[in-house]
Amino acid sequence: MVARTHVTQFSFDKGIIDEDLLGRRDIKAYPGGLRQAKNMIGVIGGPISRRGGLAFVAELPSSAGDGARLAAFHFRLEQIYLLAFLDETARIYKDDALQAELAMPYGGAQLAALDFDQSLDTMLLTHEEVEPKQLQRQGSHSDWALNPIAFRNLPTHPFSGPTAGQATPSGTTGAVTVTSTAEDFTVAAVGDVVRLNGGRITITSITGDTEVAGTTQEDLDDTKVAEAGAWSVEQQAWSDAKGYPRSVHLDGNRSFWGGSKDLLQRVWGSASGGVDLFDFFETKDRLDDEFVEDDLVGSQVNAVSHIHALGDQFFFTSGGVFVNRVTDDSPVTVENFHPRKHFPTPIAPVKPVASDGAVVCVTADGAGRAVGCAEVVFDVGSDGYIASDLNILSASVMREPVDMAARASDGVRGAHHRFVVNTDGTVAVHHSLRRQEVSGWTLWESAGLSADDAVLKVAVVGNTPYFLVRRTIDGATRYFIEKHALDRMFDSSVKARFQEPSDTLDGLDHLEGLQVQVFADGALRDPAVVTDGTVAVTDGGAAFPAMEVEAGMPFDWVVEPLPVEAQIAEGTLVGQKHRLIAVTLELKDAYPFEVNGRPVNFRRFGEFRLDEAPKPFSGRKRRRFLGWNRGQGASFTASGTLPATFLSAVAEVGQ
């Protein structure tokens, strides 16, 4: 008699576990882990479901191939926009309809390094090679304006280094001259600032290498001689020559800016409540509401790439994460602005996101290559922030990430989801509920007939993920915006509900010449070729008028639990001859699929009427198997194209 044992997997919420951890049942996450979870999405409570399809939104010009970004613009609850930044152009969509198109100063190659933040009707945009801009909604969905930011009293920096001579001012206020005993004004220019004896002088003319004339911006204390190094000649910190900030963030009635071409480690914060938040004034006494700045110094270069605030302020750099801790919900002031490094993990230049009570960032290796994903969380033991590695058991899903976005729990799926776009066009999707210690990854692949088909960028708009997708259609490379939708069966899909049954569906011009799959009135129908933007709905070769029709590109899904490591009479299954006798699956809303290549069907006489589409199945389904194995453990693979949700799995194993 064959000795039998049953192994139950009640949860799949730990997601993909890497191949090199197979058989490691000592790992806490192993019982809820998966070997494969392709095109699936984690659901709080343990189930795993096939992801929804991607609904077609718009086609972008071929210039999207030169570089593009997607961004959300949330003005009010009912006024939410999707921004598509392209080569020297921005397109603005509302409710998936194009509202406006604007000329932009950013070339396609610059867009990957473009940073932005938004509040109310204004979005700030910054790039180290372009003067910062503000994009403003002007009062209607189609009326937008892009203008330079009207900065006042921009910060300055002594780029020419310490002064070499003694300086003597001719007065303390108004028009004055400054004379140096050395050639300290050789590289000075009109508009530069001389800091001297507690005051500031803006240079209006240059007499020579040793003397300049100017007007006091802040009165000097006296006309005493200033020793070498005790005074300075400073230029604007931001300019075409010196570069502009790489990052921007709005927080607490200030705008914060970080890192420029010549000041990689520098961060600045505008004066509190200044005009348009862009005033960088300062006085001798340095009042609390004046502008703030600091250098993020350390034993290595800490080039600032992004800034984010979640209570405290986080400065993400190539050398780690710096944090400015603000206690008791106090605002940032001159006295408390002192960012300090909390951990040395290098951060990749991918925009971080706030999700599930933490800030999520993409980590880098020593060479700056994006390799992982981490949550910045507070550690009580060290009284500081640490990087909690989210993919320590799932390194294989991280394939040099290039973009990231987050969706909050929607009350349906229950989890918070982070969407990480990889260089190879896949999307690593993380589901999280930190308080319940739920954390796991799945991997999405978009439908496509070519190896070049890929997801390129992502943004979450109104809690809906939007993707920029590259597809090959009839031999041509095309760029589409598509959004995730739970009710869609296919990618790049179009769906319509008719008042009267129809045997055609139009609106498919973007898939012209392509054979697509058709789902009508609850069941798959005949595949059809798109002609003049339209497909015919047929079933068995005959016209099939339907009330609800969807057509698009089908994609497959795969669920493979980790190998069963059951305890048997002679120890474990590893190295022992054994067989997988049967698998019992607890399912919800499942359409037919396969297990180990064998179909699992749900139609039964007496339950369904003939000539009606089969309804999704909920309940238990058992599938038996033949054959023996001496591998690492018993396993099975479920695969299909239509939706299915797995609640649990019981494997019956014999020896």
Foldseek 3Di string as FASTA:
>chain_A
DWDWDKDWQQAQLAEAFDPVCFPVPVDPCFSNHFPAWEQWDAFPPGWIKRFFAWAFQDFDDPQVVLAKAWEWACQDLQDIWIWIDGAQKIWIDDPSHTQEMDGHPDGRPQVLLWEWDDDHFWIWIFGFQDQIWIWGDDPDRNDIDIDHDPAAPFDKDQPVDWFDFKWFWPFFFFKIKIFTPDQQCPPPDQQKWKFDQQWIWGFHADPGSGMTMTGTPGTHPTGDIHGTRRMGIIDRCDDNVNTDFSEWDDDQQWIKTAAHNNQQFKIKIAFRVPDVRRYQDAHSVQWFRHMEMDGADDPDDFGFQYWDDDQWIWTAGQQAIWIQHDPPSDGHTNVRPDTYGDDGFGFANEYWDDAQSWIKGFTADPVRFGQFIWTFDADPVVRGTDTHTQCPRPSVQAARFSYKEWFYQPVPSRWIWIWTAHPQQKTWIWTDNVVVPRIHIHIYDAFADDSPWHWDYWYQISRKIWTWIWYQAPNDIIITIIITDNPHLHYNKDKDFAPWFDQKDFPQPVRAQHFKWKDFQAGTADIFHQHPRMTGGHHPPHRDGGRMMMIYGFDKTKTKRRFDFDQDPVGTLAQPKKDFFKKKWFKDQAAWWDKQRHIDHDDDPPPDDPPHHDTGDGGMDMDGDDDIDRHGHDMMMIMDGGMMMTSMMMIMMID
